[in-house]
Amino acid sequence: MKKIILIILLLVGKNIMADDYYAKISLGQQDGKDGQQDAIEGSFKLGMKLNNNFSTDIKVAHKQKDTKGFGTRIGLGIIGKVKLSDNLNAYMKVGAGNKKTNTKTFNFWAITPGLKYKINDKWSIKGGVRFRDAFDTDKYRDYTKTLKAGVGYKITESKSLSLGFKRKVGDSEYNAIGVGYGVSF
């Protein structure tokens, strides 16, 4: 599979270099609001930097609410970023995917605009708002807005840690805190 991706990239004129790929594993705890259940969520993201302004990723996330309730999402996204100043970037992620729960399976879309500020060579902060819903809104209700804020720390040029907070409102509501570990290769 990696050879096929490499051939496609070479055909469109992209040279593969170090740090073009990245991966991140995350674990979080959700505190359900207004009668919603608490949950534990884990995710894995694998991405590729296309150039200085664009990247793409695939993410798999699994949420366990209790012994009977779960939700698993797999999604593909394209991320664009624009440098606003030496330390400030604006970004926009546009994605789509599939969600499976213990009672239903459906496709969804998501759009996430945000800002990332580089404090120094080691520390950064990030914030954004994700808007997400099912494609078939007549059949499935999945509309949410998620406010996100986080801090990142570069351990080395290729390894990082992150701590984030999410506040999700809409068809389901929760507050969540999570940690992540990322590598580029």
C-alpha atoms as a PDB file:
ATOM      1  CA  MET A   1       0.000   0.000   0.000  1.00  0.00           C
ATOM      2  CA  LYS A   2       2.823   2.409   0.859  1.00  0.00           C
ATOM      3  CA  LYS A   3       4.394   1.735  -2.570  1.00  0.00           C
ATOM      4  CA  ILE A   4       1.141   2.683  -4.299  1.00  0.00           C
ATOM      5  CA  ILE A   5       0.953   5.937  -2.340  1.00  0.00           C
ATOM      6  CA  LEU A   6       4.601   6.665  -3.186  1.00  0.00           C
ATOM      7  CA  ILE A   7       4.006   6.116  -6.927  1.00  0.00           C
ATOM      8  CA  ILE A   8       0.954   8.395  -6.918  1.00  0.00           C
ATOM      9  CA  LEU A   9       2.883  11.130  -5.118  1.00  0.00           C
ATOM     10  CA  LEU A  10       5.804  10.868  -7.524  1.00  0.00           C
ATOM     11  CA  LEU A  11       3.401  11.153 -10.458  1.00  0.00           C
ATOM     12  CA  VAL A  12       2.069  14.461  -9.162  1.00  0.00           C
ATOM     13  CA  GLY A  13       5.599  15.815  -8.654  1.00  0.00           C
ATOM     14  CA  LYS A  14       5.939  15.479  -4.866  1.00  0.00           C
ATOM     15  CA  ASN A  15       9.332  14.507  -3.459  1.00  0.00           C
ATOM     16  CA  ILE A  16       9.138  12.394  -0.305  1.00  0.00           C
ATOM     17  CA  MET A  17      11.373  13.824   2.430  1.00  0.00           C
ATOM     18  CA  ALA A  18      11.914  13.271   6.141  1.00  0.00           C
ATOM     19  CA  ASP A  19       9.141  14.592   8.378  1.00  0.00           C
ATOM     20  CA  ASP A  20       6.519  14.313   5.612  1.00  0.00           C
ATOM     21  CA  TYR A  21       4.549  11.728   7.630  1.00  0.00           C
ATOM     22  CA  TYR A  22       3.150  12.047  11.129  1.00  0.00           C
ATOM     23  CA  ALA A  23       1.228   9.926  13.615  1.00  0.00           C
ATOM     24  CA  LYS A  24      -0.536  10.709  16.868  1.00  0.00           C
ATOM     25  CA  ILE A  25      -2.140   8.569  19.536  1.00  0.00           C
ATOM     26  CA  SER A  26      -4.549  10.179  22.024  1.00  0.00           C
ATOM     27  CA  LEU A  27      -6.549   9.169  25.072  1.00  0.00           C
ATOM     28  CA  GLY A  28      -9.272  11.234  26.713  1.00  0.00           C
ATOM     29  CA  GLN A  29     -11.948  11.241  29.402  1.00  0.00           C
ATOM     30  CA  GLN A  30     -15.411  12.712  28.693  1.00  0.00           C
ATOM     31  CA  ASP A  31     -17.790  14.083  31.297  1.00  0.00           C
ATOM     32  CA  GLY A  32     -21.335  13.806  29.904  1.00  0.00           C
ATOM     33  CA  LYS A  33     -23.643  16.810  30.421  1.00  0.00           C
ATOM     34  CA  ASP A  34     -27.424  16.957  31.019  1.00  0.00           C
ATOM     35  CA  GLY A  35     -27.857  13.213  31.498  1.00  0.00           C
ATOM     36  CA  GLN A  36     -25.360  12.193  28.797  1.00  0.00           C
ATOM     37  CA  GLN A  37     -23.049   9.313  29.686  1.00  0.00           C
ATOM     38  CA  ASP A  38     -19.394   9.671  30.610  1.00  0.00           C
ATOM     39  CA  ALA A  39     -16.979   7.994  28.200  1.00  0.00           C
ATOM     40  CA  ILE A  40     -13.365   7.128  27.513  1.00  0.00           C
ATOM     41  CA  GLU A  41     -12.056   7.829  24.008  1.00  0.00           C
ATOM     42  CA  GLY A  42      -8.930   6.661  22.240  1.00  0.00           C
ATOM     43  CA  SER A  43      -7.765   7.633  18.770  1.00  0.00           C
ATOM     44  CA  PHE A  44      -4.994   7.107  16.243  1.00  0.00           C
ATOM     45  CA  LYS A  45      -4.172   9.547  13.452  1.00  0.00           C
ATOM     46  CA  LEU A  46      -1.821   9.007  10.505  1.00  0.00           C
ATOM     47  CA  GLY A  47      -1.073  11.928   8.211  1.00  0.00           C
ATOM     48  CA  MET A  48       1.076  13.213   5.408  1.00  0.00           C
ATOM     49  CA  LYS A  49       2.380  16.712   4.779  1.00  0.00           C
ATOM     50  CA  LEU A  50       1.719  17.537   1.108  1.00  0.00           C
ATOM     51  CA  ASN A  51       3.586  20.872   1.117  1.00  0.00           C
ATOM     52  CA  ASN A  52       4.107  23.833   3.472  1.00  0.00           C
ATOM     53  CA  ASN A  53       0.399  24.743   3.420  1.00  0.00           C
ATOM     54  CA  PHE A  54      -1.497  21.457   3.034  1.00  0.00           C
ATOM     55  CA  SER A  55      -1.607  18.060   4.701  1.00  0.00           C
ATOM     56  CA  THR A  56      -4.026  15.160   4.830  1.00  0.00           C
ATOM     57  CA  ASP A  57      -4.808  12.616   7.524  1.00  0.00           C
ATOM     58  CA  ILE A  58      -6.894   9.614   8.411  1.00  0.00           C
ATOM     59  CA  LYS A  59      -8.156   9.224  11.972  1.00  0.00           C
ATOM     60  CA  VAL A  60      -9.772   6.315  13.774  1.00  0.00           C
ATOM     61  CA  ALA A  61     -11.446   7.051  17.121  1.00  0.00           C
ATOM     62  CA  HIS A  62     -13.302   4.722  19.473  1.00  0.00           C
ATOM     63  CA  LYS A  63     -15.474   5.918  22.357  1.00  0.00           C
ATOM     64  CA  GLN A  64     -16.696   3.531  25.049  1.00  0.00           C
ATOM     65  CA  LYS A  65     -19.662   4.904  27.033  1.00  0.00           C
ATOM     66  CA  ASP A  66     -20.502   1.824  29.099  1.00  0.00           C
ATOM     67  CA  THR A  67     -20.587  -1.918  28.570  1.00  0.00           C
ATOM     68  CA  LYS A  68     -23.322  -1.533  25.912  1.00  0.00           C
ATOM     69  CA  GLY A  69     -22.746   1.870  24.306  1.00  0.00           C
ATOM     70  CA  PHE A  70     -19.928   2.717  21.920  1.00  0.00           C
ATOM     71  CA  GLY A  71     -19.100   4.889  18.949  1.00  0.00           C
ATOM     72  CA  THR A  72     -16.359   4.385  16.379  1.00  0.00           C
ATOM     73  CA  ARG A  73     -15.469   6.961  13.732  1.00  0.00           C
ATOM     74  CA  ILE A  74     -13.079   6.750  10.815  1.00  0.00           C
ATOM     75  CA  GLY A  75     -12.501   9.926   8.869  1.00  0.00           C
ATOM     76  CA  LEU A  76     -10.315  11.467   6.196  1.00  0.00           C
ATOM     77  CA  GLY A  77      -9.389  15.141   6.314  1.00  0.00           C
ATOM     78  CA  ILE A  78      -7.528  17.800   4.365  1.00  0.00           C
ATOM     79  CA  ILE A  79      -5.910  20.594   6.353  1.00  0.00           C
ATOM     80  CA  GLY A  80      -4.870  23.947   4.930  1.00  0.00           C
ATOM     81  CA  LYS A  81      -2.913  26.564   6.853  1.00  0.00           C
ATOM     82  CA  VAL A  82      -1.974  30.188   6.267  1.00  0.00           C
ATOM     83  CA  LYS A  83       0.818  32.024   8.078  1.00  0.00           C
ATOM     84  CA  LEU A  84      -0.587  35.226   9.605  1.00  0.00           C
ATOM     85  CA  SER A  85       2.645  36.284  11.367  1.00  0.00           C
ATOM     86  CA  ASP A  86       5.943  34.696  12.412  1.00  0.00           C
ATOM     87  CA  ASN A  87       4.249  32.835  15.276  1.00  0.00           C
ATOM     88  CA  LEU A  88       0.563  32.685  14.270  1.00  0.00           C
ATOM     89  CA  ASN A  89      -1.122  30.368  11.746  1.00  0.00           C
ATOM     90  CA  ALA A  90      -4.767  30.044  10.765  1.00  0.00           C
ATOM     91  CA  TYR A  91      -5.923  26.580   9.712  1.00  0.00           C
ATOM     92  CA  MET A  92      -9.001  24.913   8.256  1.00  0.00           C
ATOM     93  CA  LYS A  93      -9.660  21.173   8.312  1.00  0.00           C
ATOM     94  CA  VAL A  94     -12.373  19.761   6.055  1.00  0.00           C
ATOM     95  CA  GLY A  95     -13.227  16.105   6.394  1.00  0.00           C
ATOM     96  CA  ALA A  96     -15.735  13.309   6.016  1.00  0.00           C
ATOM     97  CA  GLY A  97     -16.085   9.814   7.373  1.00  0.00           C
ATOM     98  CA  ASN A  98     -18.208   7.032   8.785  1.00  0.00           C
ATOM     99  CA  LYS A  99     -19.600   6.577  12.312  1.00  0.00           C
ATOM    100  CA  LYS A 100     -20.747   3.255  13.750  1.00  0.00           C
ATOM    101  CA  THR A 101     -22.503   2.905  17.083  1.00  0.00           C
ATOM    102  CA  ASN A 102     -24.219  -0.042  18.736  1.00  0.00           C
ATOM    103  CA  THR A 103     -27.502   1.054  17.043  1.00  0.00           C
ATOM    104  CA  LYS A 104     -26.626   2.778  13.729  1.00  0.00           C
ATOM    105  CA  THR A 105     -24.040   3.444  11.006  1.00  0.00           C
ATOM    106  CA  PHE A 106     -23.920   6.642   8.944  1.00  0.00           C
ATOM    107  CA  ASN A 107     -21.621   9.058   7.089  1.00  0.00           C
ATOM    108  CA  PHE A 108     -20.691  12.516   8.394  1.00  0.00           C
ATOM    109  CA  TRP A 109     -18.894  15.722   7.405  1.00  0.00           C
ATOM    110  CA  ALA A 110     -16.801  18.050   9.576  1.00  0.00           C
ATOM    111  CA  ILE A 111     -15.258  21.521   9.208  1.00  0.00           C
ATOM    112  CA  THR A 112     -12.787  22.892  11.778  1.00  0.00           C
ATOM    113  CA  PRO A 113     -11.362  26.419  11.539  1.00  0.00           C
ATOM    114  CA  GLY A 114      -8.775  27.466  14.116  1.00  0.00           C
ATOM    115  CA  LEU A 115      -5.596  29.268  15.132  1.00  0.00           C
ATOM    116  CA  LYS A 116      -2.212  27.994  16.331  1.00  0.00           C
ATOM    117  CA  TYR A 117       0.268  30.253  18.105  1.00  0.00           C
ATOM    118  CA  LYS A 118       3.926  29.254  18.528  1.00  0.00           C
ATOM    119  CA  ILE A 119       5.091  30.615  21.905  1.00  0.00           C
ATOM    120  CA  ASN A 120       8.706  29.525  21.350  1.00  0.00           C
ATOM    121  CA  ASP A 121      10.602  26.607  19.764  1.00  0.00           C
ATOM    122  CA  LYS A 122       9.122  24.147  22.307  1.00  0.00           C
ATOM    123  CA  TRP A 123       5.630  25.413  23.266  1.00  0.00           C
ATOM    124  CA  SER A 124       2.499  26.236  21.254  1.00  0.00           C
ATOM    125  CA  ILE A 125      -1.198  26.827  21.926  1.00  0.00           C
ATOM    126  CA  LYS A 126      -4.088  26.018  19.618  1.00  0.00           C
ATOM    127  CA  GLY A 127      -7.818  26.696  19.511  1.00  0.00           C
ATOM    128  CA  GLY A 128     -10.658  25.999  17.111  1.00  0.00           C
ATOM    129  CA  VAL A 129     -14.307  25.121  16.600  1.00  0.00           C
ATOM    130  CA  ARG A 130     -15.422  21.903  14.883  1.00  0.00           C
ATOM    131  CA  PHE A 131     -18.813  21.827  13.150  1.00  0.00           C
ATOM    132  CA  ARG A 132     -20.025  18.282  12.375  1.00  0.00           C
ATOM    133  CA  ASP A 133     -23.217  16.606  11.172  1.00  0.00           C
ATOM    134  CA  ALA A 134     -24.520  13.571   9.317  1.00  0.00           C
ATOM    135  CA  PHE A 135     -24.902  13.841   5.544  1.00  0.00           C
ATOM    136  CA  ASP A 136     -28.431  12.396   5.798  1.00  0.00           C
ATOM    137  CA  THR A 137     -29.903  14.762   8.403  1.00  0.00           C
ATOM    138  CA  ASP A 138     -33.456  13.505   7.788  1.00  0.00           C
ATOM    139  CA  LYS A 139     -32.467  10.074   9.083  1.00  0.00           C
ATOM    140  CA  TYR A 140     -29.595  10.759  11.542  1.00  0.00           C
ATOM    141  CA  ARG A 141     -29.063  13.528  14.089  1.00  0.00           C
ATOM    142  CA  ASP A 142     -25.387  14.190  14.728  1.00  0.00           C
ATOM    143  CA  TYR A 143     -25.102  17.990  14.635  1.00  0.00           C
ATOM    144  CA  THR A 144     -22.502  19.270  17.081  1.00  0.00           C
ATOM    145  CA  LYS A 145     -20.207  22.234  17.646  1.00  0.00           C
ATOM    146  CA  THR A 146     -17.040  21.420  19.546  1.00  0.00           C
ATOM    147  CA  LEU A 147     -14.870  24.134  21.053  1.00  0.00           C
ATOM    148  CA  LYS A 148     -11.256  22.948  21.288  1.00  0.00           C
ATOM    149  CA  ALA A 149      -8.215  24.363  23.089  1.00  0.00           C
ATOM    150  CA  GLY A 150      -4.832  22.819  23.658  1.00  0.00           C
ATOM    151  CA  VAL A 151      -1.189  23.215  24.444  1.00  0.00           C
ATOM    152  CA  GLY A 152       1.659  21.399  22.706  1.00  0.00           C
ATOM    153  CA  TYR A 153       5.239  20.693  23.742  1.00  0.00           C
ATOM    154  CA  LYS A 154       7.991  19.548  21.334  1.00  0.00           C
ATOM    155  CA  ILE A 155      10.172  16.982  23.085  1.00  0.00           C
ATOM    156  CA  THR A 156      12.451  16.767  20.033  1.00  0.00           C
ATOM    157  CA  GLU A 157      12.118  17.822  16.383  1.00  0.00           C
ATOM    158  CA  SER A 158      10.128  14.643  15.704  1.00  0.00           C
ATOM    159  CA  LYS A 159       8.306  13.941  19.009  1.00  0.00           C
ATOM    160  CA  SER A 160       5.650  15.957  20.831  1.00  0.00           C
ATOM    161  CA  LEU A 161       3.174  15.865  23.701  1.00  0.00           C
ATOM    162  CA  SER A 162      -0.188  17.608  23.837  1.00  0.00           C
ATOM    163  CA  LEU A 163      -2.883  18.364  26.364  1.00  0.00           C
ATOM    164  CA  GLY A 164      -6.324  19.410  25.180  1.00  0.00           C
ATOM    165  CA  PHE A 165      -9.797  20.403  26.325  1.00  0.00           C
ATOM    166  CA  LYS A 166     -13.069  20.037  24.348  1.00  0.00           C
ATOM    167  CA  ARG A 167     -16.568  21.345  25.028  1.00  0.00           C
ATOM    168  CA  LYS A 168     -19.092  19.680  22.728  1.00  0.00           C
ATOM    169  CA  VAL A 169     -22.648  21.030  22.347  1.00  0.00           C
ATOM    170  CA  GLY A 170     -25.491  19.942  20.105  1.00  0.00           C
ATOM    171  CA  ASP A 171     -27.164  16.552  19.770  1.00  0.00           C
ATOM    172  CA  SER A 172     -24.751  15.257  22.415  1.00  0.00           C
ATOM    173  CA  GLU A 173     -22.949  17.320  25.046  1.00  0.00           C
ATOM    174  CA  TYR A 174     -19.803  16.785  27.095  1.00  0.00           C
ATOM    175  CA  ASN A 175     -16.594  18.303  28.410  1.00  0.00           C
ATOM    176  CA  ALA A 176     -13.417  16.328  27.766  1.00  0.00           C
ATOM    177  CA  ILE A 177      -9.748  16.426  28.579  1.00  0.00           C
ATOM    178  CA  GLY A 178      -7.140  14.425  26.728  1.00  0.00           C
ATOM    179  CA  VAL A 179      -3.459  13.788  26.228  1.00  0.00           C
ATOM    180  CA  GLY A 180      -1.620  12.932  23.049  1.00  0.00           C
ATOM    181  CA  TYR A 181       1.779  11.757  21.835  1.00  0.00           C
ATOM    182  CA  GLY A 182       2.880  12.536  18.306  1.00  0.00           C
ATOM    183  CA  VAL A 183       5.804  11.613  16.060  1.00  0.00           C
ATOM    184  CA  SER A 184       6.876  12.730  12.606  1.00  0.00           C
ATOM    185  CA  PHE A 185       8.886  10.512  10.288  1.00  0.00           C
END
